[in-house]
Amino acid sequence: MVEQGLLSISKACRLTRLSRRSWYRPDPSLLRLERDQPIIDALNAIIQEPTHTRWGFWKCFYR
């Protein structure tokens, strides 16, 4: 409704009982995925190698 210009953001938030801060705040799970994507790609590349097909996460991740 906001995208079509029928309601302002504050009225739409009040109607749905959502805080305006939640409307403007980025989704933290998406930010985490963007930050961790190089690590995820590296671990997937290791697992795809024919010699490491049975390795799990903890074998690839140094603690």
PDB file of N, CA and C in Angstrom:
ATOM      1  N   MET A   1       0.823  -1.180   0.000  1.00  0.00           N
ATOM      2  CA  MET A   1       0.000   0.000   0.000  1.00  0.00           C
ATOM      3  C   MET A   1       0.870   1.247   0.000  1.00  0.00           C
ATOM      4  N   VAL A   2       2.034   1.146   0.631  1.00  0.00           N
ATOM      5  CA  VAL A   2       2.944   2.291   0.656  1.00  0.00           C
ATOM      6  C   VAL A   2       3.535   2.504  -0.731  1.00  0.00           C
ATOM      7  N   GLU A   3       3.900   1.400  -1.411  1.00  0.00           N
ATOM      8  CA  GLU A   3       4.504   1.512  -2.733  1.00  0.00           C
ATOM      9  C   GLU A   3       3.542   2.131  -3.746  1.00  0.00           C
ATOM     10  N   GLN A   4       2.253   1.876  -3.600  1.00  0.00           N
ATOM     11  CA  GLN A   4       1.276   2.451  -4.524  1.00  0.00           C
ATOM     12  C   GLN A   4       0.906   3.880  -4.158  1.00  0.00           C
ATOM     13  N   GLY A   5       1.373   4.356  -3.035  1.00  0.00           N
ATOM     14  CA  GLY A   5       1.087   5.720  -2.625  1.00  0.00           C
ATOM     15  C   GLY A   5      -0.256   5.887  -1.937  1.00  0.00           C
ATOM     16  N   LEU A   6      -0.869   4.794  -1.515  1.00  0.00           N
ATOM     17  CA  LEU A   6      -2.170   4.875  -0.851  1.00  0.00           C
ATOM     18  C   LEU A   6      -2.048   5.305   0.613  1.00  0.00           C
ATOM     19  N   LEU A   7      -0.954   4.907   1.260  1.00  0.00           N
ATOM     20  CA  LEU A   7      -0.749   5.239   2.669  1.00  0.00           C
ATOM     21  C   LEU A   7       0.676   5.734   2.879  1.00  0.00           C
ATOM     22  N   SER A   8       0.829   6.591   3.853  1.00  0.00           N
ATOM     23  CA  SER A   8       2.180   6.984   4.239  1.00  0.00           C
ATOM     24  C   SER A   8       2.787   5.857   5.070  1.00  0.00           C
ATOM     25  N   ILE A   9       4.087   5.893   5.220  1.00  0.00           N
ATOM     26  CA  ILE A   9       4.769   4.849   5.989  1.00  0.00           C
ATOM     27  C   ILE A   9       4.306   4.862   7.436  1.00  0.00           C
ATOM     28  N   SER A  10       4.164   6.036   8.015  1.00  0.00           N
ATOM     29  CA  SER A  10       3.747   6.093   9.424  1.00  0.00           C
ATOM     30  C   SER A  10       2.331   5.543   9.612  1.00  0.00           C
ATOM     31  N   LYS A  11       1.428   5.835   8.688  1.00  0.00           N
ATOM     32  CA  LYS A  11       0.061   5.302   8.808  1.00  0.00           C
ATOM     33  C   LYS A  11       0.030   3.798   8.577  1.00  0.00           C
ATOM     34  N   ALA A  12       0.807   3.323   7.618  1.00  0.00           N
ATOM     35  CA  ALA A  12       0.847   1.882   7.365  1.00  0.00           C
ATOM     36  C   ALA A  12       1.438   1.138   8.557  1.00  0.00           C
ATOM     37  N   CYS A  13       2.453   1.710   9.172  1.00  0.00           N
ATOM     38  CA  CYS A  13       3.050   1.079  10.352  1.00  0.00           C
ATOM     39  C   CYS A  13       2.075   1.078  11.523  1.00  0.00           C
ATOM     40  N   ARG A  14       1.366   2.153  11.689  1.00  0.00           N
ATOM     41  CA  ARG A  14       0.381   2.220  12.768  1.00  0.00           C
ATOM     42  C   ARG A  14      -0.735   1.204  12.526  1.00  0.00           C
ATOM     43  N   LEU A  15      -1.161   1.059  11.286  1.00  0.00           N
ATOM     44  CA  LEU A  15      -2.224   0.125  10.936  1.00  0.00           C
ATOM     45  C   LEU A  15      -1.807  -1.322  11.205  1.00  0.00           C
ATOM     46  N   THR A  16      -0.563  -1.656  10.896  1.00  0.00           N
ATOM     47  CA  THR A  16      -0.081  -3.024  11.074  1.00  0.00           C
ATOM     48  C   THR A  16       0.599  -3.256  12.417  1.00  0.00           C
ATOM     49  N   ARG A  17       0.655  -2.203  13.254  1.00  0.00           N
ATOM     50  CA  ARG A  17       1.297  -2.258  14.569  1.00  0.00           C
ATOM     51  C   ARG A  17       2.771  -2.645  14.463  1.00  0.00           C
ATOM     52  N   LEU A  18       3.418  -2.096  13.463  1.00  0.00           N
ATOM     53  CA  LEU A  18       4.844  -2.282  13.242  1.00  0.00           C
ATOM     54  C   LEU A  18       5.539  -0.962  13.531  1.00  0.00           C
ATOM     55  N   SER A  19       6.624  -1.010  14.253  1.00  0.00           N
ATOM     56  CA  SER A  19       7.314   0.245  14.543  1.00  0.00           C
ATOM     57  C   SER A  19       7.983   0.771  13.272  1.00  0.00           C
ATOM     58  N   ARG A  20       8.085   2.080  13.181  1.00  0.00           N
ATOM     59  CA  ARG A  20       8.743   2.667  12.011  1.00  0.00           C
ATOM     60  C   ARG A  20      10.211   2.282  11.964  1.00  0.00           C
ATOM     61  N   ARG A  21      10.795   2.088  13.104  1.00  0.00           N
ATOM     62  CA  ARG A  21      12.189   1.652  13.139  1.00  0.00           C
ATOM     63  C   ARG A  21      12.343   0.289  12.454  1.00  0.00           C
ATOM     64  N   SER A  22      11.398  -0.614  12.683  1.00  0.00           N
ATOM     65  CA  SER A  22      11.440  -1.920  12.027  1.00  0.00           C
ATOM     66  C   SER A  22      11.257  -1.800  10.525  1.00  0.00           C
ATOM     67  N   TRP A  23      10.508  -0.821  10.092  1.00  0.00           N
ATOM     68  CA  TRP A  23      10.292  -0.605   8.656  1.00  0.00           C
ATOM     69  C   TRP A  23      11.597  -0.212   7.969  1.00  0.00           C
ATOM     70  N   TYR A  24      12.366   0.644   8.598  1.00  0.00           N
ATOM     71  CA  TYR A  24      13.578   1.171   7.978  1.00  0.00           C
ATOM     72  C   TYR A  24      14.820   0.317   8.242  1.00  0.00           C
ATOM     73  N   ARG A  25      14.785  -0.515   9.260  1.00  0.00           N
ATOM     74  CA  ARG A  25      15.956  -1.315   9.623  1.00  0.00           C
ATOM     75  C   ARG A  25      16.161  -2.428   8.597  1.00  0.00           C
ATOM     76  N   PRO A  26      17.399  -2.635   8.128  1.00  0.00           N
ATOM     77  CA  PRO A  26      17.646  -3.745   7.199  1.00  0.00           C
ATOM     78  C   PRO A  26      17.538  -5.088   7.918  1.00  0.00           C
ATOM     79  N   ASP A  27      17.225  -6.103   7.171  1.00  0.00           N
ATOM     80  CA  ASP A  27      17.075  -7.446   7.718  1.00  0.00           C
ATOM     81  C   ASP A  27      18.451  -7.975   8.131  1.00  0.00           C
ATOM     82  N   PRO A  28      18.653  -8.280   9.417  1.00  0.00           N
ATOM     83  CA  PRO A  28      19.982  -8.711   9.862  1.00  0.00           C
ATOM     84  C   PRO A  28      20.423 -10.036   9.261  1.00  0.00           C
ATOM     85  N   SER A  29      19.487 -10.924   8.924  1.00  0.00           N
ATOM     86  CA  SER A  29      19.885 -12.204   8.334  1.00  0.00           C
ATOM     87  C   SER A  29      20.483 -12.002   6.946  1.00  0.00           C
ATOM     88  N   LEU A  30      19.998 -11.019   6.191  1.00  0.00           N
ATOM     89  CA  LEU A  30      20.574 -10.739   4.879  1.00  0.00           C
ATOM     90  C   LEU A  30      21.962 -10.136   5.011  1.00  0.00           C
ATOM     91  N   LEU A  31      22.158  -9.275   5.999  1.00  0.00           N
ATOM     92  CA  LEU A  31      23.478  -8.690   6.218  1.00  0.00           C
ATOM     93  C   LEU A  31      24.482  -9.765   6.619  1.00  0.00           C
ATOM     94  N   ARG A  32      24.055 -10.694   7.453  1.00  0.00           N
ATOM     95  CA  ARG A  32      24.932 -11.777   7.890  1.00  0.00           C
ATOM     96  C   ARG A  32      25.296 -12.668   6.711  1.00  0.00           C
ATOM     97  N   LEU A  33      24.342 -12.946   5.838  1.00  0.00           N
ATOM     98  CA  LEU A  33      24.607 -13.787   4.675  1.00  0.00           C
ATOM     99  C   LEU A  33      25.604 -13.118   3.739  1.00  0.00           C
ATOM    100  N   GLU A  34      25.473 -11.815   3.519  1.00  0.00           N
ATOM    101  CA  GLU A  34      26.420 -11.100   2.672  1.00  0.00           C
ATOM    102  C   GLU A  34      27.818 -11.131   3.282  1.00  0.00           C
ATOM    103  N   ARG A  35      27.907 -10.974   4.588  1.00  0.00           N
ATOM    104  CA  ARG A  35      29.200 -10.960   5.264  1.00  0.00           C
ATOM    105  C   ARG A  35      29.867 -12.332   5.222  1.00  0.00           C
ATOM    106  N   ASP A  36      29.088 -13.400   5.359  1.00  0.00           N
ATOM    107  CA  ASP A  36      29.632 -14.749   5.446  1.00  0.00           C
ATOM    108  C   ASP A  36      29.748 -15.455   4.100  1.00  0.00           C
ATOM    109  N   GLN A  37      29.291 -14.842   3.025  1.00  0.00           N
ATOM    110  CA  GLN A  37      29.267 -15.507   1.725  1.00  0.00           C
ATOM    111  C   GLN A  37      30.644 -15.978   1.254  1.00  0.00           C
ATOM    112  N   PRO A  38      31.735 -15.209   1.398  1.00  0.00           N
ATOM    113  CA  PRO A  38      33.042 -15.736   0.973  1.00  0.00           C
ATOM    114  C   PRO A  38      33.460 -16.998   1.737  1.00  0.00           C
ATOM    115  N   ILE A  39      33.127 -17.064   3.021  1.00  0.00           N
ATOM    116  CA  ILE A  39      33.466 -18.248   3.810  1.00  0.00           C
ATOM    117  C   ILE A  39      32.625 -19.436   3.370  1.00  0.00           C
ATOM    118  N   ILE A  40      31.355 -19.199   3.122  1.00  0.00           N
ATOM    119  CA  ILE A  40      30.466 -20.265   2.655  1.00  0.00           C
ATOM    120  C   ILE A  40      30.949 -20.809   1.322  1.00  0.00           C
ATOM    121  N   ASP A  41      31.342 -19.925   0.410  1.00  0.00           N
ATOM    122  CA  ASP A  41      31.839 -20.354  -0.898  1.00  0.00           C
ATOM    123  C   ASP A  41      33.124 -21.165  -0.770  1.00  0.00           C
ATOM    124  N   ALA A  42      34.029 -20.738   0.119  1.00  0.00           N
ATOM    125  CA  ALA A  42      35.288 -21.468   0.305  1.00  0.00           C
ATOM    126  C   ALA A  42      35.039 -22.860   0.876  1.00  0.00           C
ATOM    127  N   LEU A  43      34.149 -22.968   1.863  1.00  0.00           N
ATOM    128  CA  LEU A  43      33.836 -24.280   2.438  1.00  0.00           C
ATOM    129  C   LEU A  43      33.155 -25.184   1.418  1.00  0.00           C
ATOM    130  N   ASN A  44      32.268 -24.627   0.611  1.00  0.00           N
ATOM    131  CA  ASN A  44      31.616 -25.427  -0.430  1.00  0.00           C
ATOM    132  C   ASN A  44      32.611 -25.885  -1.482  1.00  0.00           C
ATOM    133  N   ALA A  45      33.603 -25.057  -1.805  1.00  0.00           N
ATOM    134  CA  ALA A  45      34.627 -25.447  -2.777  1.00  0.00           C
ATOM    135  C   ALA A  45      35.465 -26.604  -2.243  1.00  0.00           C
ATOM    136  N   ILE A  46      35.785 -26.587  -0.946  1.00  0.00           N
ATOM    137  CA  ILE A  46      36.552 -27.687  -0.352  1.00  0.00           C
ATOM    138  C   ILE A  46      35.752 -28.980  -0.395  1.00  0.00           C
ATOM    139  N   ILE A  47      34.484 -28.899  -0.055  1.00  0.00           N
ATOM    140  CA  ILE A  47      33.645 -30.096  -0.001  1.00  0.00           C
ATOM    141  C   ILE A  47      33.415 -30.683  -1.392  1.00  0.00           C
ATOM    142  N   GLN A  48      33.422 -29.860  -2.437  1.00  0.00           N
ATOM    143  CA  GLN A  48      33.181 -30.339  -3.795  1.00  0.00           C
ATOM    144  C   GLN A  48      34.379 -31.078  -4.389  1.00  0.00           C
ATOM    145  N   GLU A  49      35.563 -30.943  -3.791  1.00  0.00           N
ATOM    146  CA  GLU A  49      36.737 -31.658  -4.292  1.00  0.00           C
ATOM    147  C   GLU A  49      36.521 -33.157  -4.115  1.00  0.00           C
ATOM    148  N   PRO A  50      36.941 -33.954  -5.109  1.00  0.00           N
ATOM    149  CA  PRO A  50      36.690 -35.408  -5.030  1.00  0.00           C
ATOM    150  C   PRO A  50      37.341 -36.082  -3.825  1.00  0.00           C
ATOM    151  N   THR A  51      38.435 -35.532  -3.323  1.00  0.00           N
ATOM    152  CA  THR A  51      39.110 -36.174  -2.193  1.00  0.00           C
ATOM    153  C   THR A  51      38.483 -35.826  -0.849  1.00  0.00           C
ATOM    154  N   HIS A  52      37.607 -34.841  -0.816  1.00  0.00           N
ATOM    155  CA  HIS A  52      37.027 -34.387   0.453  1.00  0.00           C
ATOM    156  C   HIS A  52      35.501 -34.487   0.474  1.00  0.00           C
ATOM    157  N   THR A  53      34.944 -35.433  -0.234  1.00  0.00           N
ATOM    158  CA  THR A  53      33.479 -35.507  -0.320  1.00  0.00           C
ATOM    159  C   THR A  53      32.827 -35.918   0.998  1.00  0.00           C
ATOM    160  N   ARG A  54      33.557 -36.594   1.883  1.00  0.00           N
ATOM    161  CA  ARG A  54      32.959 -37.052   3.133  1.00  0.00           C
ATOM    162  C   ARG A  54      33.269 -36.137   4.296  1.00  0.00           C
ATOM    163  N   TRP A  55      33.933 -35.018   4.030  1.00  0.00           N
ATOM    164  CA  TRP A  55      34.269 -34.091   5.103  1.00  0.00           C
ATOM    165  C   TRP A  55      33.035 -33.308   5.503  1.00  0.00           C
ATOM    166  N   GLY A  56      32.840 -33.143   6.776  1.00  0.00           N
ATOM    167  CA  GLY A  56      31.762 -32.309   7.275  1.00  0.00           C
ATOM    168  C   GLY A  56      32.252 -30.907   7.582  1.00  0.00           C
ATOM    169  N   PHE A  57      31.390 -30.124   8.169  1.00  0.00           N
ATOM    170  CA  PHE A  57      31.716 -28.727   8.455  1.00  0.00           C
ATOM    171  C   PHE A  57      32.893 -28.611   9.409  1.00  0.00           C
ATOM    172  N   TRP A  58      32.904 -29.381  10.481  1.00  0.00           N
ATOM    173  CA  TRP A  58      33.936 -29.216  11.510  1.00  0.00           C
ATOM    174  C   TRP A  58      35.304 -29.693  11.048  1.00  0.00           C
ATOM    175  N   LYS A  59      35.364 -30.559  10.041  1.00  0.00           N
ATOM    176  CA  LYS A  59      36.664 -30.928   9.474  1.00  0.00           C
ATOM    177  C   LYS A  59      37.228 -29.784   8.651  1.00  0.00           C
ATOM    178  N   CYS A  60      36.381 -28.954   8.078  1.00  0.00           N
ATOM    179  CA  CYS A  60      36.810 -27.850   7.212  1.00  0.00           C
ATOM    180  C   CYS A  60      37.024 -26.560   7.989  1.00  0.00           C
ATOM    181  N   PHE A  61      36.410 -26.432   9.129  1.00  0.00           N
ATOM    182  CA  PHE A  61      36.430 -25.178   9.881  1.00  0.00           C
ATOM    183  C   PHE A  61      37.409 -25.289  11.030  1.00  0.00           C
ATOM    184  N   TYR A  62      38.421 -24.430  11.038  1.00  0.00           N
ATOM    185  CA  TYR A  62      39.417 -24.437  12.104  1.00  0.00           C
ATOM    186  C   TYR A  62      38.887 -23.656  13.299  1.00  0.00           C
ATOM    187  N   ARG A  63      38.857 -24.279  14.468  1.00  0.00           N
ATOM    188  CA  ARG A  63      38.354 -23.613  15.669  1.00  0.00           C
ATOM    189  C   ARG A  63      39.435 -22.928  16.406  1.00  0.00           C
TER     190      ARG A  63
END
